[in-house]
C-alpha atoms as a PDB file:
ATOM      1  CA  MET A   1       5.452  -8.688 -11.290  1.00  0.00           C
ATOM      2  CA  LYS A   2       8.681 -10.775 -11.479  1.00  0.00           C
ATOM      3  CA  HIS A   3      12.457  -9.548 -11.554  1.00  0.00           C
ATOM      4  CA  ASN A   4      13.464  -7.876 -14.488  1.00  0.00           C
ATOM      5  CA  PRO A   5      17.075  -6.955 -15.322  1.00  0.00           C
ATOM      6  CA  ASN A   6      16.173  -3.951 -17.471  1.00  0.00           C
ATOM      7  CA  LEU A   7      14.232  -2.181 -14.647  1.00  0.00           C
ATOM      8  CA  THR A   8      15.396   0.784 -13.166  1.00  0.00           C
ATOM      9  CA  LYS A   9      14.975   4.253 -11.670  1.00  0.00           C
ATOM     10  CA  GLU A  10      13.662   5.764 -14.282  1.00  0.00           C
ATOM     11  CA  THR A  11      11.950   2.490 -15.982  1.00  0.00           C
ATOM     12  CA  VAL A  12       7.910   3.629 -16.348  1.00  0.00           C
ATOM     13  CA  VAL A  13       5.236   0.435 -15.341  1.00  0.00           C
ATOM     14  CA  VAL A  14       2.198   1.307 -16.856  1.00  0.00           C
ATOM     15  CA  LEU A  15      -0.609  -0.703 -15.216  1.00  0.00           C
ATOM     16  CA  HIS A  16      -3.999  -1.917 -17.564  1.00  0.00           C
ATOM     17  CA  THR A  17      -4.756  -4.437 -14.253  1.00  0.00           C
ATOM     18  CA  SER A  18      -7.252  -5.136 -12.274  1.00  0.00           C
ATOM     19  CA  LYS A  19      -5.088  -6.640  -9.136  1.00  0.00           C
ATOM     20  CA  PRO A  20      -2.234  -5.382  -8.027  1.00  0.00           C
ATOM     21  CA  ILE A  21       1.015  -6.421  -8.057  1.00  0.00           C
ATOM     22  CA  ASP A  22       4.668  -5.999  -7.157  1.00  0.00           C
ATOM     23  CA  VAL A  23       6.076  -2.148  -8.041  1.00  0.00           C
ATOM     24  CA  SER A  24       8.639  -2.341  -5.309  1.00  0.00           C
ATOM     25  CA  GLU A  25      11.418  -1.985  -8.071  1.00  0.00           C
ATOM     26  CA  ILE A  26      10.130   1.131  -9.451  1.00  0.00           C
ATOM     27  CA  ASN A  27       9.204   4.844  -8.457  1.00  0.00           C
ATOM     28  CA  LYS A  28       7.240   5.321 -10.813  1.00  0.00           C
ATOM     29  CA  VAL A  29       3.499   4.031 -12.497  1.00  0.00           C
ATOM     30  CA  ILE A  30       0.921   5.023 -14.417  1.00  0.00           C
ATOM     31  CA  LEU A  31      -2.651   3.560 -14.460  1.00  0.00           C
ATOM     32  CA  SER A  32      -5.698   2.434 -16.869  1.00  0.00           C
ATOM     33  CA  ASN A  33      -8.184   1.570 -16.757  1.00  0.00           C
ATOM     34  CA  LYS A  34     -12.202   2.326 -17.297  1.00  0.00           C
ATOM     35  CA  ASN A  35     -13.184   0.925 -13.197  1.00  0.00           C
ATOM     36  CA  VAL A  36     -13.094   3.951 -10.425  1.00  0.00           C
ATOM     37  CA  LYS A  37     -13.364   1.521  -7.685  1.00  0.00           C
ATOM     38  CA  THR A  38     -10.289  -0.102  -9.037  1.00  0.00           C
ATOM     39  CA  LEU A  39      -8.332   3.096  -9.746  1.00  0.00           C
ATOM     40  CA  ASN A  40      -8.928   4.220  -6.253  1.00  0.00           C
ATOM     41  CA  LYS A  41      -7.740   0.406  -4.588  1.00  0.00           C
ATOM     42  CA  LEU A  42      -4.389   0.843  -6.891  1.00  0.00           C
ATOM     43  CA  ILE A  43      -3.560   4.976  -6.056  1.00  0.00           C
ATOM     44  CA  PHE A  44      -4.019   4.040  -2.212  1.00  0.00           C
ATOM     45  CA  LEU A  45      -1.536   1.311  -2.824  1.00  0.00           C
ATOM     46  CA  TYR A  46       0.809   2.626  -4.687  1.00  0.00           C
ATOM     47  CA  LYS A  47       0.612   5.548  -3.220  1.00  0.00           C
ATOM     48  CA  ASP A  48       3.508   8.777  -4.528  1.00  0.00           C
ATOM     49  CA  LYS A  49       4.216   6.230  -7.716  1.00  0.00           C
ATOM     50  CA  VAL A  50       1.524   7.453  -9.340  1.00  0.00           C
ATOM     51  CA  LYS A  51       2.463   9.844 -11.911  1.00  0.00           C
ATOM     52  CA  GLN A  52      -0.737   9.573 -14.349  1.00  0.00           C
ATOM     53  CA  VAL A  53      -4.097   8.424 -14.247  1.00  0.00           C
ATOM     54  CA  HIS A  54      -5.681   7.275 -18.016  1.00  0.00           C
ATOM     55  CA  PHE A  55      -9.128   6.860 -17.264  1.00  0.00           C
ATOM     56  CA  HIS A  56     -11.188   5.033 -20.378  1.00  0.00           C
ATOM     57  CA  GLY A  57     -14.339   4.822 -18.436  1.00  0.00           C
ATOM     58  CA  LYS A  58     -17.531   6.890 -18.340  1.00  0.00           C
ATOM     59  CA  ILE A  59     -16.475  10.335 -17.649  1.00  0.00           C
ATOM     60  CA  ALA A  60     -19.499  10.460 -15.316  1.00  0.00           C
ATOM     61  CA  ASP A  61     -17.903   8.284 -13.317  1.00  0.00           C
ATOM     62  CA  LEU A  62     -14.803   9.777 -12.676  1.00  0.00           C
ATOM     63  CA  LYS A  63     -16.700  11.857  -9.887  1.00  0.00           C
ATOM     64  CA  TYR A  64     -15.939   9.119  -7.436  1.00  0.00           C
ATOM     65  CA  LEU A  65     -11.843   9.158  -8.320  1.00  0.00           C
ATOM     66  CA  THR A  66     -10.139   9.492  -4.943  1.00  0.00           C
ATOM     67  CA  ASN A  67      -8.887  13.629  -4.015  1.00  0.00           C
ATOM     68  CA  ASP A  68      -6.151  11.726  -2.768  1.00  0.00           C
ATOM     69  CA  PHE A  69      -4.582  11.467  -6.115  1.00  0.00           C
ATOM     70  CA  GLN A  70      -2.942  14.607  -7.722  1.00  0.00           C
ATOM     71  CA  GLY A  71      -1.190  13.925 -10.440  1.00  0.00           C
ATOM     72  CA  VAL A  72      -1.844  13.779 -13.911  1.00  0.00           C
ATOM     73  CA  ILE A  73      -5.733  12.692 -15.191  1.00  0.00           C
ATOM     74  CA  LYS A  74      -6.031  12.009 -18.551  1.00  0.00           C
ATOM     75  CA  VAL A  75      -9.650  10.896 -19.941  1.00  0.00           C
ATOM     76  CA  PHE A  76     -10.734   8.791 -22.896  1.00  0.00           C
ATOM     77  CA  ALA A  77     -13.329  10.821 -23.787  1.00  0.00           C
ATOM     78  CA  GLN A  78     -15.983   8.745 -27.135  1.00  0.00           C
ATOM     79  CA  THR A  79     -18.196  12.359 -27.525  1.00  0.00           C
ATOM     80  CA  LYS A  80     -18.399  15.986 -26.936  1.00  0.00           C
ATOM     81  CA  HIS A  81     -21.584  15.659 -25.701  1.00  0.00           C
ATOM     82  CA  GLU A  82     -20.092  13.678 -22.759  1.00  0.00           C
ATOM     83  CA  VAL A  83     -17.202  16.130 -22.681  1.00  0.00           C
ATOM     84  CA  ILE A  84     -18.987  19.725 -22.676  1.00  0.00           C
ATOM     85  CA  LYS A  85     -22.114  17.507 -20.203  1.00  0.00           C
ATOM     86  CA  GLN A  86     -19.082  16.770 -17.229  1.00  0.00           C
ATOM     87  CA  SER A  87     -17.618  20.310 -17.687  1.00  0.00           C
ATOM     88  CA  LYS A  88     -17.275  21.550 -14.633  1.00  0.00           C
ATOM     89  CA  MET A  89     -16.169  18.374 -12.907  1.00  0.00           C
ATOM     90  CA  LEU A  90     -13.605  17.966 -15.810  1.00  0.00           C
ATOM     91  CA  THR A  91     -12.957  21.432 -14.554  1.00  0.00           C
ATOM     92  CA  GLU A  92     -12.059  20.789 -11.175  1.00  0.00           C
ATOM     93  CA  LYS A  93     -10.515  17.578 -11.312  1.00  0.00           C
ATOM     94  CA  LYS A  94      -8.198  19.520 -14.000  1.00  0.00           C
ATOM     95  CA  CYS A  95      -8.289  17.005 -16.531  1.00  0.00           C
ATOM     96  CA  PHE A  96      -6.924  16.531 -19.874  1.00  0.00           C
ATOM     97  CA  VAL A  97      -9.450  15.389 -22.239  1.00  0.00           C
ATOM     98  CA  CYS A  98      -7.944  12.712 -24.933  1.00  0.00           C
ATOM     99  CA  PRO A  99     -10.846  12.421 -27.970  1.00  0.00           C
ATOM    100  CA  GLU A 100     -11.557   9.244 -29.136  1.00  0.00           C
ATOM    101  CA  PHE A 101     -14.004  10.918 -31.763  1.00  0.00           C
ATOM    102  CA  PRO A 102     -13.177  12.441 -34.994  1.00  0.00           C
ATOM    103  CA  ILE A 103     -11.435  16.069 -34.429  1.00  0.00           C
ATOM    104  CA  GLU A 104     -12.815  17.702 -37.752  1.00  0.00           C
ATOM    105  CA  LYS A 105     -12.702  21.405 -37.573  1.00  0.00           C
ATOM    106  CA  LEU A 106     -10.806  23.968 -34.946  1.00  0.00           C
ATOM    107  CA  GLU A 107     -13.637  24.521 -33.082  1.00  0.00           C
ATOM    108  CA  ASP A 108     -13.869  20.819 -32.022  1.00  0.00           C
ATOM    109  CA  ILE A 109     -10.949  21.453 -29.798  1.00  0.00           C
ATOM    110  CA  SER A 110     -11.425  25.406 -29.561  1.00  0.00           C
ATOM    111  CA  PHE A 111     -15.218  25.167 -27.772  1.00  0.00           C
ATOM    112  CA  ILE A 112     -13.806  22.327 -25.226  1.00  0.00           C
ATOM    113  CA  THR A 113     -11.330  24.627 -23.863  1.00  0.00           C
ATOM    114  CA  SER A 114     -13.080  27.840 -24.289  1.00  0.00           C
ATOM    115  CA  MET A 115     -14.419  26.340 -21.223  1.00  0.00           C
ATOM    116  CA  GLY A 116     -11.153  25.568 -19.368  1.00  0.00           C
ATOM    117  CA  ILE A 117     -10.701  22.207 -20.475  1.00  0.00           C
ATOM    118  CA  ALA A 118      -7.329  20.723 -21.241  1.00  0.00           C
ATOM    119  CA  VAL A 119      -6.953  18.671 -24.410  1.00  0.00           C
ATOM    120  CA  ASP A 120      -4.476  16.101 -25.312  1.00  0.00           C
ATOM    121  CA  LEU A 121      -4.197  15.463 -28.872  1.00  0.00           C
ATOM    122  CA  LEU A 122      -1.215  12.846 -28.680  1.00  0.00           C
ATOM    123  CA  TYR A 123      -3.328  10.098 -29.864  1.00  0.00           C
ATOM    124  CA  THR A 124      -5.317  11.852 -32.885  1.00  0.00           C
ATOM    125  CA  VAL A 125      -2.655  13.951 -34.363  1.00  0.00           C
ATOM    126  CA  ASP A 126      -1.700  11.166 -36.758  1.00  0.00           C
ATOM    127  CA  HIS A 127      -5.192  10.348 -38.131  1.00  0.00           C
ATOM    128  CA  MET A 128      -5.957  13.735 -38.368  1.00  0.00           C
ATOM    129  CA  ASN A 129      -6.438  16.168 -41.294  1.00  0.00           C
ATOM    130  CA  LYS A 130      -2.961  18.475 -41.695  1.00  0.00           C
ATOM    131  CA  GLU A 131      -4.992  22.008 -41.779  1.00  0.00           C
ATOM    132  CA  VAL A 132      -6.982  21.164 -38.486  1.00  0.00           C
ATOM    133  CA  VAL A 133      -3.623  19.967 -36.859  1.00  0.00           C
ATOM    134  CA  LEU A 134      -1.743  23.114 -37.900  1.00  0.00           C
ATOM    135  CA  LYS A 135      -4.874  25.725 -37.350  1.00  0.00           C
ATOM    136  CA  ILE A 136      -5.143  23.880 -33.296  1.00  0.00           C
ATOM    137  CA  VAL A 137      -1.339  24.296 -33.310  1.00  0.00           C
ATOM    138  CA  ASP A 138      -1.962  28.233 -34.540  1.00  0.00           C
ATOM    139  CA  HIS A 139      -4.659  28.545 -31.840  1.00  0.00           C
ATOM    140  CA  TYR A 140      -2.287  27.110 -29.090  1.00  0.00           C
ATOM    141  CA  LEU A 141       0.323  29.297 -29.948  1.00  0.00           C
ATOM    142  CA  TYR A 142      -1.391  32.179 -30.970  1.00  0.00           C
ATOM    143  CA  PHE A 143      -4.844  32.938 -29.160  1.00  0.00           C
ATOM    144  CA  PRO A 144      -4.459  35.602 -26.252  1.00  0.00           C
ATOM    145  CA  SER A 145      -7.270  34.766 -24.624  1.00  0.00           C
ATOM    146  CA  LEU A 146      -6.305  30.784 -23.834  1.00  0.00           C
ATOM    147  CA  ASN A 147      -4.371  30.196 -20.957  1.00  0.00           C
ATOM    148  CA  ILE A 148      -4.521  26.367 -20.522  1.00  0.00           C
ATOM    149  CA  PRO A 149      -2.789  23.584 -22.387  1.00  0.00           C
ATOM    150  CA  ILE A 150      -3.321  21.896 -25.975  1.00  0.00           C
ATOM    151  CA  GLU A 151      -0.704  18.743 -25.358  1.00  0.00           C
ATOM    152  CA  PRO A 152       1.359  17.891 -26.675  1.00  0.00           C
ATOM    153  CA  PHE A 153       2.371  21.179 -27.849  1.00  0.00           C
ATOM    154  CA  HIS A 154       2.774  22.800 -24.988  1.00  0.00           C
ATOM    155  CA  SER A 155       4.980  20.028 -23.758  1.00  0.00           C
ATOM    156  CA  ILE A 156       7.167  20.456 -27.017  1.00  0.00           C
ATOM    157  CA  LEU A 157       7.123  24.360 -26.673  1.00  0.00           C
ATOM    158  CA  MET A 158       8.087  24.123 -22.921  1.00  0.00           C
ATOM    159  CA  SER A 159      10.778  21.679 -23.204  1.00  0.00           C
ATOM    160  CA  LYS A 160      11.883  23.622 -25.818  1.00  0.00           C
ATOM    161  CA  LEU A 161      11.983  27.392 -23.605  1.00  0.00           C
ATOM    162  CA  LYS A 162      13.429  25.309 -20.196  1.00  0.00           C
ATOM    163  CA  GLU A 163      16.402  23.778 -22.598  1.00  0.00           C
ATOM    164  CA  LYS A 164      14.946  19.973 -21.474  1.00  0.00           C
ATOM    165  CA  LYS A 165      14.775  16.641 -23.658  1.00  0.00           C
ATOM    166  CA  LEU A 166      11.501  15.075 -24.510  1.00  0.00           C
ATOM    167  CA  GLN A 167      11.128  12.482 -27.411  1.00  0.00           C
ATOM    168  CA  LEU A 168       7.629  11.671 -29.077  1.00  0.00           C
ATOM    169  CA  TRP A 169       8.381   8.139 -28.277  1.00  0.00           C
ATOM    170  CA  ASN A 170       8.680   8.892 -24.293  1.00  0.00           C
ATOM    171  CA  LEU A 171       5.193  11.005 -24.866  1.00  0.00           C
ATOM    172  CA  HIS A 172       3.374   7.707 -26.104  1.00  0.00           C
ATOM    173  CA  LEU A 173       4.844   5.419 -23.731  1.00  0.00           C
ATOM    174  CA  MET A 174       6.838   3.367 -26.375  1.00  0.00           C
ATOM    175  CA  PHE A 175      10.593   4.156 -26.075  1.00  0.00           C
ATOM    176  CA  PRO A 176      12.208   0.321 -25.628  1.00  0.00           C
ATOM    177  CA  GLY A 177      13.289  -0.192 -21.998  1.00  0.00           C
ATOM    178  CA  LEU A 178      11.929   2.823 -20.462  1.00  0.00           C
ATOM    179  CA  PHE A 179       8.430   1.924 -19.878  1.00  0.00           C
ATOM    180  CA  PHE A 180       6.715  -1.365 -19.423  1.00  0.00           C
ATOM    181  CA  HIS A 181       3.427  -2.412 -20.154  1.00  0.00           C
ATOM    182  CA  VAL A 182       1.863  -4.561 -17.914  1.00  0.00           C
ATOM    183  CA  ASP A 183      -1.666  -6.306 -17.819  1.00  0.00           C
ATOM    184  CA  ASN A 184      -3.578  -9.128 -16.193  1.00  0.00           C
ATOM    185  CA  THR A 185      -1.438 -11.841 -18.031  1.00  0.00           C
ATOM    186  CA  GLY A 186       2.045 -10.403 -17.371  1.00  0.00           C
ATOM    187  CA  ILE A 187       4.315  -7.698 -19.185  1.00  0.00           C
ATOM    188  CA  LYS A 188       3.875  -6.768 -22.337  1.00  0.00           C
ATOM    189  CA  GLU A 189       6.165  -3.888 -23.862  1.00  0.00           C
ATOM    190  CA  ASP A 190       3.578  -2.148 -25.858  1.00  0.00           C
ATOM    191  CA  PRO A 191      -0.468  -3.217 -24.858  1.00  0.00           C
ATOM    192  CA  ASN A 192      -1.011  -3.254 -28.863  1.00  0.00           C
ATOM    193  CA  GLU A 193       1.079  -6.027 -30.209  1.00  0.00           C
ATOM    194  CA  ALA A 194       3.303  -8.694 -28.522  1.00  0.00           C
ATOM    195  CA  GLY A 195       7.130  -8.164 -28.841  1.00  0.00           C
ATOM    196  CA  GLU A 196       6.698  -4.572 -30.236  1.00  0.00           C
ATOM    197  CA  GLU A 197       9.591  -4.200 -27.405  1.00  0.00           C
ATOM    198  CA  ASN A 198      12.052  -6.164 -30.239  1.00  0.00           C
ATOM    199  CA  ARG A 199      10.437  -4.995 -33.034  1.00  0.00           C
ATOM    200  CA  LEU A 200      11.127  -1.412 -31.629  1.00  0.00           C
ATOM    201  CA  LYS A 201      14.471  -1.982 -30.916  1.00  0.00           C
ATOM    202  CA  GLU A 202      15.433  -3.110 -34.764  1.00  0.00           C
ATOM    203  CA  TYR A 203      13.354  -0.489 -36.430  1.00  0.00           C
ATOM    204  CA  PHE A 204      16.018   2.560 -34.358  1.00  0.00           C
ATOM    205  CA  GLU A 205      18.642   0.275 -35.563  1.00  0.00           C
ATOM    206  CA  SER A 206      17.834   0.562 -38.749  1.00  0.00           C
ATOM    207  CA  ILE A 207      17.279   4.496 -38.634  1.00  0.00           C
ATOM    208  CA  PRO A 208      20.949   5.482 -40.039  1.00  0.00           C
ATOM    209  CA  THR A 209      20.255   3.212 -43.279  1.00  0.00           C
ATOM    210  CA  ASP A 210      16.409   3.219 -44.310  1.00  0.00           C
ATOM    211  CA  TYR A 211      16.019   6.515 -43.151  1.00  0.00           C
ATOM    212  CA  PRO A 212      19.058   8.404 -43.284  1.00  0.00           C
ATOM    213  CA  GLU A 213      17.527  12.359 -44.100  1.00  0.00           C
ATOM    214  CA  CYS A 214      16.412  11.857 -40.377  1.00  0.00           C
ATOM    215  CA  LEU A 215      19.787  12.189 -39.012  1.00  0.00           C
ATOM    216  CA  SER A 216      20.474  15.843 -40.256  1.00  0.00           C
ATOM    217  CA  CYS A 217      17.148  16.958 -39.706  1.00  0.00           C
ATOM    218  CA  ALA A 218      16.618  19.758 -37.003  1.00  0.00           C
ATOM    219  CA  HIS A 219      14.210  18.231 -34.964  1.00  0.00           C
ATOM    220  CA  PHE A 220      15.441  14.535 -35.046  1.00  0.00           C
ATOM    221  CA  HIS A 221      15.921  14.767 -31.256  1.00  0.00           C
ATOM    222  CA  VAL A 222      12.502  15.195 -30.759  1.00  0.00           C
ATOM    223  CA  CYS A 223      10.799  13.344 -33.148  1.00  0.00           C
ATOM    224  CA  PHE A 224      13.296  10.139 -33.468  1.00  0.00           C
ATOM    225  CA  SER A 225      11.939   9.199 -36.344  1.00  0.00           C
ATOM    226  CA  TRP A 226       8.240   9.458 -34.738  1.00  0.00           C
ATOM    227  CA  GLY A 227       6.804  11.092 -38.511  1.00  0.00           C
ATOM    228  CA  LYS A 228       7.729   8.095 -40.199  1.00  0.00           C
ATOM    229  CA  TYR A 229       6.855   5.201 -37.666  1.00  0.00           C
ATOM    230  CA  LYS A 230       3.735   3.492 -39.311  1.00  0.00           C
ATOM    231  CA  LYS A 231       3.518   6.319 -41.713  1.00  0.00           C
ATOM    232  CA  ASP A 232       4.521   7.392 -45.543  1.00  0.00           C
ATOM    233  CA  SER A 233       6.052  10.575 -44.734  1.00  0.00           C
ATOM    234  CA  CYS A 234       6.941  13.126 -41.878  1.00  0.00           C
ATOM    235  CA  PHE A 235       5.769  16.266 -43.553  1.00  0.00           C
ATOM    236  CA  LEU A 236       3.075  17.060 -40.372  1.00  0.00           C
ATOM    237  CA  TRP A 237       5.136  16.235 -37.410  1.00  0.00           C
ATOM    238  CA  LYS A 238       7.658  19.005 -39.295  1.00  0.00           C
ATOM    239  CA  GLU A 239       4.982  21.401 -40.587  1.00  0.00           C
ATOM    240  CA  ILE A 240       4.232  21.245 -36.468  1.00  0.00           C
ATOM    241  CA  LEU A 241       7.398  20.850 -34.648  1.00  0.00           C
ATOM    242  CA  ASP A 242       8.757  24.599 -37.105  1.00  0.00           C
ATOM    243  CA  ARG A 243       6.003  26.392 -35.883  1.00  0.00           C
ATOM    244  CA  LEU A 244       6.558  25.417 -31.842  1.00  0.00           C
ATOM    245  CA  GLN A 245      10.373  25.927 -32.658  1.00  0.00           C
ATOM    246  CA  SER A 246      10.112  29.598 -34.642  1.00  0.00           C
ATOM    247  CA  SER A 247       7.351  30.369 -31.073  1.00  0.00           C
ATOM    248  CA  ALA A 248      10.160  29.783 -28.903  1.00  0.00           C
ATOM    249  CA  LYS A 249      12.317  31.352 -30.501  1.00  0.00           C
ATOM    250  CA  GLU A 250      10.755  34.423 -30.104  1.00  0.00           C
ATOM    251  CA  ILE A 251       9.452  34.261 -27.680  1.00  0.00           C
ATOM    252  CA  LYS A 252      13.176  33.581 -26.158  1.00  0.00           C
ATOM    253  CA  ILE A 253      13.377  36.689 -28.189  1.00  0.00           C
ATOM    254  CA  ALA A 254      11.010  38.841 -26.076  1.00  0.00           C
ATOM    255  CA  ARG A 255      12.378  37.860 -23.241  1.00  0.00           C
ATOM    256  CA  HIS A 256      15.184  39.094 -23.416  1.00  0.00           C
ATOM    257  CA  GLY A 257      14.787  41.813 -25.366  1.00  0.00           C
END
């Protein structure tokens, strides 16, 4: 990868590559691939720079992933059947399942978590039925025997409890200047759209004019207008963040008596 003046120690390079590239300028790498052999090769090459692995292949192949990697493993699952069949291995490797199959009811998630498998709904929340999403949020917050995370709700709640900065854009690996997506053809700030970096900058700059109500929203520091990005309404995210904020307050009060 050619030198880029925008690269800093905080930059995260998301690699969708099959071939190694020079990442000597940065110290945070996320690997996204469907081939376990490629992932093993890149994990060995980049070592402790690799913070996450996003696996898009057959879940059964994940058993060949090297045990040297101790970071976050996100598995993009095509079917619930595949998750159930490989539940033992997913639990042992402490994977997060990112469903690419429809989530139509709470039970689609509660059954998976009951097997001790963590779930990440970050990439599906915006496409799900509002009532189903809110039932899952409540399940995460108030189901007493649930002791594993359901993302992104867990990370958001923890950020509120620990008073650490977190934005939905960062969870989606899309904040301009912080994430560089690289495939075999070179740098792409977003893997899905050419020129996304400039388009995102224009979107952020337009928020005060196009979405002035966002600036006074209690959740702006978390959402940063993600709730309206490519959507007509942020109602769902307001509901989600309201519930997480309320729960954080309840926990803090309980902790301090």
